[in-house]
């Protein structure tokens, strides 16, 4: 009668998982002045709102989200990324009729393969969960950002209209309501 041996295998998986997401959109900035001047007015408005100038871009990082506005093209890119260390460990048992040799090595190999597959699956689930968190974080930031960028574009447009009116002639009357965003300019040509 044969005797079976219990074979125990422990497998560990350590890695850093990363998740990122981004969305791009286009600002609608009217061409009241030449594009360079409109970009400069927008840059001034955005820097007053906490953005930092980096060449032809203005960038702000807040709560793990990076907002970048390309001043040349008017493209807004909002991105979020994070990383997390994963340290997983599993143990399984199997049976073999010998405690060493090819039969035992085969059982150990099968156990290791099964453990590795289980660990990879668990790491994949954590990766999916981390990706969902990043996407949710990005969606939350987009809700607040839209209103702020619309206000910045409106203020830059108002500044451009004032400049254009002063180039056309003498401004006789200027009425501005910041609450509603309305602007009335009377120019004598």
C-alpha atoms as a PDB file:
ATOM      1  CA  UNK A   1       0.000   0.000   0.000  1.00  0.00           C
ATOM      2  CA  UNK A   2       1.328   3.401  -1.005  1.00  0.00           C
ATOM      3  CA  UNK A   3       1.609   6.291   1.283  1.00  0.00           C
ATOM      4  CA  UNK A   4       0.886   9.861   0.056  1.00  0.00           C
ATOM      5  CA  UNK A   5       2.916  12.876   1.054  1.00  0.00           C
ATOM      6  CA  UNK A   6       1.514  16.316   1.596  1.00  0.00           C
ATOM      7  CA  UNK A   7       3.322  18.957  -0.443  1.00  0.00           C
ATOM      8  CA  UNK A   8       2.844  22.578   0.516  1.00  0.00           C
ATOM      9  CA  UNK A   9       3.841  25.462  -1.792  1.00  0.00           C
ATOM     10  CA  UNK A  10       3.813  29.189  -0.982  1.00  0.00           C
ATOM     11  CA  UNK A  11       3.973  31.799  -3.740  1.00  0.00           C
ATOM     12  CA  UNK A  12       4.366  35.580  -3.349  1.00  0.00           C
ATOM     13  CA  UNK A  13       3.719  38.364  -5.835  1.00  0.00           C
ATOM     14  CA  UNK A  14       5.112  41.851  -5.262  1.00  0.00           C
ATOM     15  CA  UNK A  15       4.704  44.603  -7.795  1.00  0.00           C
ATOM     16  CA  UNK A  16       3.651  48.183  -8.271  1.00  0.00           C
ATOM     17  CA  UNK A  17       0.436  48.621 -10.219  1.00  0.00           C
ATOM     18  CA  UNK A  18      -0.304  51.858 -12.002  1.00  0.00           C
ATOM     19  CA  UNK A  19      -3.517  53.362 -13.275  1.00  0.00           C
ATOM     20  CA  UNK A  20      -4.072  56.478 -15.339  1.00  0.00           C
ATOM     21  CA  UNK A  21      -6.818  58.155 -17.305  1.00  0.00           C
ATOM     22  CA  UNK A  22      -7.120  61.361 -19.282  1.00  0.00           C
ATOM     23  CA  UNK A  23      -9.575  63.341 -21.333  1.00  0.00           C
ATOM     24  CA  UNK A  24      -8.971  66.132 -23.828  1.00  0.00           C
ATOM     25  CA  UNK A  25     -11.265  68.873 -25.008  1.00  0.00           C
ATOM     26  CA  UNK A  26     -11.104  72.065 -27.010  1.00  0.00           C
ATOM     27  CA  UNK A  27     -11.632  75.573 -25.624  1.00  0.00           C
ATOM     28  CA  UNK A  28     -13.850  77.803 -27.712  1.00  0.00           C
ATOM     29  CA  UNK A  29     -12.011  81.107 -27.677  1.00  0.00           C
ATOM     30  CA  UNK A  30     -13.384  83.617 -30.224  1.00  0.00           C
ATOM     31  CA  UNK A  31     -10.912  85.241 -32.609  1.00  0.00           C
ATOM     32  CA  UNK A  32     -11.415  88.846 -31.560  1.00  0.00           C
ATOM     33  CA  UNK A  33      -7.680  89.599 -31.581  1.00  0.00           C
ATOM     34  CA  UNK A  34      -4.806  87.738 -33.252  1.00  0.00           C
ATOM     35  CA  UNK A  35      -4.330  84.233 -31.813  1.00  0.00           C
ATOM     36  CA  UNK A  36      -1.123  85.165 -29.938  1.00  0.00           C
ATOM     37  CA  UNK A  37      -2.864  87.995 -28.093  1.00  0.00           C
ATOM     38  CA  UNK A  38      -5.908  85.863 -27.289  1.00  0.00           C
ATOM     39  CA  UNK A  39      -3.596  83.126 -25.951  1.00  0.00           C
ATOM     40  CA  UNK A  40      -1.780  85.675 -23.789  1.00  0.00           C
ATOM     41  CA  UNK A  41      -5.045  87.026 -22.351  1.00  0.00           C
ATOM     42  CA  UNK A  42      -6.193  83.496 -21.563  1.00  0.00           C
ATOM     43  CA  UNK A  43      -2.815  82.680 -19.989  1.00  0.00           C
ATOM     44  CA  UNK A  44      -3.057  85.748 -17.731  1.00  0.00           C
ATOM     45  CA  UNK A  45      -6.552  84.789 -16.638  1.00  0.00           C
ATOM     46  CA  UNK A  46      -5.591  81.175 -15.934  1.00  0.00           C
ATOM     47  CA  UNK A  47      -2.421  82.107 -14.017  1.00  0.00           C
ATOM     48  CA  UNK A  48      -4.570  84.329 -11.800  1.00  0.00           C
ATOM     49  CA  UNK A  49      -6.561  81.156 -11.034  1.00  0.00           C
ATOM     50  CA  UNK A  50      -3.569  79.138  -9.842  1.00  0.00           C
ATOM     51  CA  UNK A  51      -2.183  77.779 -13.110  1.00  0.00           C
ATOM     52  CA  UNK A  52       1.573  77.963 -13.777  1.00  0.00           C
ATOM     53  CA  UNK A  53       3.032  78.908 -17.115  1.00  0.00           C
ATOM     54  CA  UNK A  54       5.280  76.285 -18.717  1.00  0.00           C
ATOM     55  CA  UNK A  55       6.219  77.484 -22.179  1.00  0.00           C
ATOM     56  CA  UNK A  56       3.107  77.510 -24.345  1.00  0.00           C
ATOM     57  CA  UNK A  57       1.089  75.668 -21.713  1.00  0.00           C
ATOM     58  CA  UNK A  58      -0.479  76.563 -18.391  1.00  0.00           C
ATOM     59  CA  UNK A  59      -0.632  73.710 -15.895  1.00  0.00           C
ATOM     60  CA  UNK A  60      -2.230  73.139 -12.497  1.00  0.00           C
ATOM     61  CA  UNK A  61      -2.067  70.090 -10.271  1.00  0.00           C
ATOM     62  CA  UNK A  62      -4.751  69.561  -7.667  1.00  0.00           C
ATOM     63  CA  UNK A  63      -5.905  66.516  -5.727  1.00  0.00           C
ATOM     64  CA  UNK A  64      -3.983  64.085  -7.946  1.00  0.00           C
ATOM     65  CA  UNK A  65      -5.353  65.593 -11.166  1.00  0.00           C
ATOM     66  CA  UNK A  66      -3.242  67.523 -13.684  1.00  0.00           C
ATOM     67  CA  UNK A  67      -4.901  70.133 -15.889  1.00  0.00           C
ATOM     68  CA  UNK A  68      -2.910  71.383 -18.879  1.00  0.00           C
ATOM     69  CA  UNK A  69      -4.096  74.010 -21.373  1.00  0.00           C
ATOM     70  CA  UNK A  70      -2.146  74.359 -24.621  1.00  0.00           C
ATOM     71  CA  UNK A  71      -2.311  78.060 -25.416  1.00  0.00           C
ATOM     72  CA  UNK A  72      -1.525  77.613 -29.135  1.00  0.00           C
ATOM     73  CA  UNK A  73      -4.265  75.115 -29.917  1.00  0.00           C
ATOM     74  CA  UNK A  74      -6.683  75.723 -27.033  1.00  0.00           C
ATOM     75  CA  UNK A  75      -6.589  72.039 -26.107  1.00  0.00           C
ATOM     76  CA  UNK A  76      -7.331  71.140 -22.502  1.00  0.00           C
ATOM     77  CA  UNK A  77      -5.973  67.851 -21.200  1.00  0.00           C
ATOM     78  CA  UNK A  78      -7.075  66.629 -17.802  1.00  0.00           C
ATOM     79  CA  UNK A  79      -5.256  63.583 -16.495  1.00  0.00           C
ATOM     80  CA  UNK A  80      -5.058  61.569 -13.319  1.00  0.00           C
ATOM     81  CA  UNK A  81      -2.673  58.815 -12.370  1.00  0.00           C
ATOM     82  CA  UNK A  82      -1.728  56.843  -9.319  1.00  0.00           C
ATOM     83  CA  UNK A  83       0.218  53.798  -8.283  1.00  0.00           C
ATOM     84  CA  UNK A  84      -0.071  51.250  -5.523  1.00  0.00           C
ATOM     85  CA  UNK A  85       2.215  48.567  -4.133  1.00  0.00           C
ATOM     86  CA  UNK A  86       0.731  45.087  -4.227  1.00  0.00           C
ATOM     87  CA  UNK A  87       2.063  42.393  -1.917  1.00  0.00           C
ATOM     88  CA  UNK A  88       0.098  39.168  -2.287  1.00  0.00           C
ATOM     89  CA  UNK A  89       0.877  35.747  -0.895  1.00  0.00           C
ATOM     90  CA  UNK A  90      -0.946  32.421  -1.235  1.00  0.00           C
ATOM     91  CA  UNK A  91      -0.326  28.874  -0.126  1.00  0.00           C
ATOM     92  CA  UNK A  92      -1.686  25.595  -1.493  1.00  0.00           C
ATOM     93  CA  UNK A  93      -1.344  21.944  -0.683  1.00  0.00           C
ATOM     94  CA  UNK A  94      -1.197  18.915  -2.915  1.00  0.00           C
ATOM     95  CA  UNK A  95      -0.478  15.230  -2.590  1.00  0.00           C
ATOM     96  CA  UNK A  96       2.221  13.067  -4.142  1.00  0.00           C
ATOM     97  CA  UNK A  97       3.149   9.438  -3.623  1.00  0.00           C
ATOM     98  CA  UNK A  98       6.832  10.292  -3.170  1.00  0.00           C
ATOM     99  CA  UNK A  99       8.354  13.098  -1.131  1.00  0.00           C
ATOM    100  CA  UNK A 100      11.106  13.845  -3.668  1.00  0.00           C
ATOM    101  CA  UNK A 101      11.924  13.103  -7.253  1.00  0.00           C
ATOM    102  CA  UNK A 102      10.122  13.799 -10.520  1.00  0.00           C
ATOM    103  CA  UNK A 103       6.640  13.042  -9.205  1.00  0.00           C
ATOM    104  CA  UNK A 104       6.950  15.463  -6.310  1.00  0.00           C
ATOM    105  CA  UNK A 105       8.528  18.104  -8.554  1.00  0.00           C
ATOM    106  CA  UNK A 106       5.633  17.769 -10.989  1.00  0.00           C
ATOM    107  CA  UNK A 107       3.087  18.302  -8.195  1.00  0.00           C
ATOM    108  CA  UNK A 108       5.061  21.308  -6.912  1.00  0.00           C
ATOM    109  CA  UNK A 109       5.212  22.752 -10.429  1.00  0.00           C
ATOM    110  CA  UNK A 110       1.454  22.349 -10.885  1.00  0.00           C
ATOM    111  CA  UNK A 111       0.809  23.977  -7.514  1.00  0.00           C
ATOM    112  CA  UNK A 112       3.155  26.893  -8.358  1.00  0.00           C
ATOM    113  CA  UNK A 113       1.462  27.416 -11.720  1.00  0.00           C
ATOM    114  CA  UNK A 114      -1.983  27.414 -10.113  1.00  0.00           C
ATOM    115  CA  UNK A 115      -0.805  29.821  -7.391  1.00  0.00           C
ATOM    116  CA  UNK A 116       0.792  32.156  -9.938  1.00  0.00           C
ATOM    117  CA  UNK A 117      -2.436  32.225 -11.946  1.00  0.00           C
ATOM    118  CA  UNK A 118      -4.446  33.008  -8.789  1.00  0.00           C
ATOM    119  CA  UNK A 119      -2.026  35.760  -7.772  1.00  0.00           C
ATOM    120  CA  UNK A 120      -2.095  37.311 -11.268  1.00  0.00           C
ATOM    121  CA  UNK A 121      -5.895  37.240 -11.200  1.00  0.00           C
ATOM    122  CA  UNK A 122      -5.961  38.960  -7.791  1.00  0.00           C
ATOM    123  CA  UNK A 123      -3.445  41.584  -8.981  1.00  0.00           C
ATOM    124  CA  UNK A 124      -5.604  42.138 -12.087  1.00  0.00           C
ATOM    125  CA  UNK A 125      -8.655  42.711  -9.893  1.00  0.00           C
ATOM    126  CA  UNK A 126      -6.738  45.244  -7.810  1.00  0.00           C
ATOM    127  CA  UNK A 127      -5.540  46.935 -11.029  1.00  0.00           C
ATOM    128  CA  UNK A 128      -9.152  47.200 -12.228  1.00  0.00           C
ATOM    129  CA  UNK A 129     -10.248  48.633  -8.889  1.00  0.00           C
ATOM    130  CA  UNK A 130      -7.406  51.191  -8.951  1.00  0.00           C
ATOM    131  CA  UNK A 131      -8.331  52.168 -12.526  1.00  0.00           C
ATOM    132  CA  UNK A 132     -11.935  52.735 -11.460  1.00  0.00           C
ATOM    133  CA  UNK A 133     -10.775  54.974  -8.601  1.00  0.00           C
ATOM    134  CA  UNK A 134      -8.672  57.072 -11.004  1.00  0.00           C
ATOM    135  CA  UNK A 135     -11.541  57.399 -13.476  1.00  0.00           C
ATOM    136  CA  UNK A 136     -13.938  58.431 -10.693  1.00  0.00           C
ATOM    137  CA  UNK A 137     -11.394  60.992  -9.471  1.00  0.00           C
ATOM    138  CA  UNK A 138     -11.076  62.404 -12.991  1.00  0.00           C
ATOM    139  CA  UNK A 139     -14.857  62.638 -13.463  1.00  0.00           C
ATOM    140  CA  UNK A 140     -15.229  64.507 -10.156  1.00  0.00           C
ATOM    141  CA  UNK A 141     -12.544  67.018 -11.164  1.00  0.00           C
ATOM    142  CA  UNK A 142     -14.145  67.592 -14.588  1.00  0.00           C
ATOM    143  CA  UNK A 143     -17.418  68.737 -13.046  1.00  0.00           C
ATOM    144  CA  UNK A 144     -15.756  71.591 -11.163  1.00  0.00           C
ATOM    145  CA  UNK A 145     -13.313  72.419 -13.921  1.00  0.00           C
ATOM    146  CA  UNK A 146     -15.830  73.089 -16.694  1.00  0.00           C
ATOM    147  CA  UNK A 147     -17.400  76.040 -14.906  1.00  0.00           C
ATOM    148  CA  UNK A 148     -14.006  77.494 -13.964  1.00  0.00           C
ATOM    149  CA  UNK A 149     -12.661  77.268 -17.519  1.00  0.00           C
ATOM    150  CA  UNK A 150     -15.852  78.800 -18.946  1.00  0.00           C
ATOM    151  CA  UNK A 151     -15.419  81.738 -16.590  1.00  0.00           C
ATOM    152  CA  UNK A 152     -11.752  82.124 -17.588  1.00  0.00           C
ATOM    153  CA  UNK A 153     -12.655  82.117 -21.297  1.00  0.00           C
ATOM    154  CA  UNK A 154     -15.413  84.686 -20.670  1.00  0.00           C
ATOM    155  CA  UNK A 155     -13.010  86.974 -18.793  1.00  0.00           C
ATOM    156  CA  UNK A 156     -10.359  86.635 -21.523  1.00  0.00           C
ATOM    157  CA  UNK A 157     -13.006  87.372 -24.183  1.00  0.00           C
ATOM    158  CA  UNK A 158     -14.158  90.474 -22.267  1.00  0.00           C
ATOM    159  CA  UNK A 159     -10.567  91.718 -22.026  1.00  0.00           C
ATOM    160  CA  UNK A 160     -10.121  91.110 -25.777  1.00  0.00           C
ATOM    161  CA  UNK A 161     -13.324  93.027 -26.566  1.00  0.00           C
ATOM    162  CA  UNK A 162     -12.160  95.985 -24.466  1.00  0.00           C
ATOM    163  CA  UNK A 163      -8.801  96.023 -26.268  1.00  0.00           C
ATOM    164  CA  UNK A 164     -10.430  95.752 -29.675  1.00  0.00           C
ATOM    165  CA  UNK A 165     -12.890  98.541 -28.855  1.00  0.00           C
ATOM    166  CA  UNK A 166     -10.047 100.832 -27.748  1.00  0.00           C
ATOM    167  CA  UNK A 167      -8.252 100.107 -31.054  1.00  0.00           C
ATOM    168  CA  UNK A 168     -11.363 101.003 -33.051  1.00  0.00           C
ATOM    169  CA  UNK A 169     -11.910 104.387 -31.414  1.00  0.00           C
ATOM    170  CA  UNK A 170     -12.607 106.127 -28.149  1.00  0.00           C
ATOM    171  CA  UNK A 171     -14.668 104.214 -25.605  1.00  0.00           C
ATOM    172  CA  UNK A 172     -17.572 106.403 -24.504  1.00  0.00           C
ATOM    173  CA  UNK A 173     -19.304 103.960 -22.169  1.00  0.00           C
ATOM    174  CA  UNK A 174     -18.466 100.571 -20.716  1.00  0.00           C
ATOM    175  CA  UNK A 175     -20.942  98.568 -18.657  1.00  0.00           C
ATOM    176  CA  UNK A 176     -19.971  95.194 -17.277  1.00  0.00           C
ATOM    177  CA  UNK A 177     -21.960  92.842 -15.071  1.00  0.00           C
ATOM    178  CA  UNK A 178     -19.604  90.153 -13.699  1.00  0.00           C
ATOM    179  CA  UNK A 179     -22.504  88.131 -12.267  1.00  0.00           C
ATOM    180  CA  UNK A 180     -24.232  87.634 -15.598  1.00  0.00           C
ATOM    181  CA  UNK A 181     -21.160  88.044 -17.792  1.00  0.00           C
ATOM    182  CA  UNK A 182     -22.760  90.769 -19.923  1.00  0.00           C
ATOM    183  CA  UNK A 183     -20.590  93.510 -21.393  1.00  0.00           C
ATOM    184  CA  UNK A 184     -21.735  96.644 -23.221  1.00  0.00           C
ATOM    185  CA  UNK A 185     -19.212  98.911 -24.920  1.00  0.00           C
ATOM    186  CA  UNK A 186     -20.091 102.160 -26.682  1.00  0.00           C
ATOM    187  CA  UNK A 187     -17.317 103.293 -29.044  1.00  0.00           C
ATOM    188  CA  UNK A 188     -17.005 106.601 -30.881  1.00  0.00           C
ATOM    189  CA  UNK A 189     -15.218 106.001 -34.171  1.00  0.00           C
END
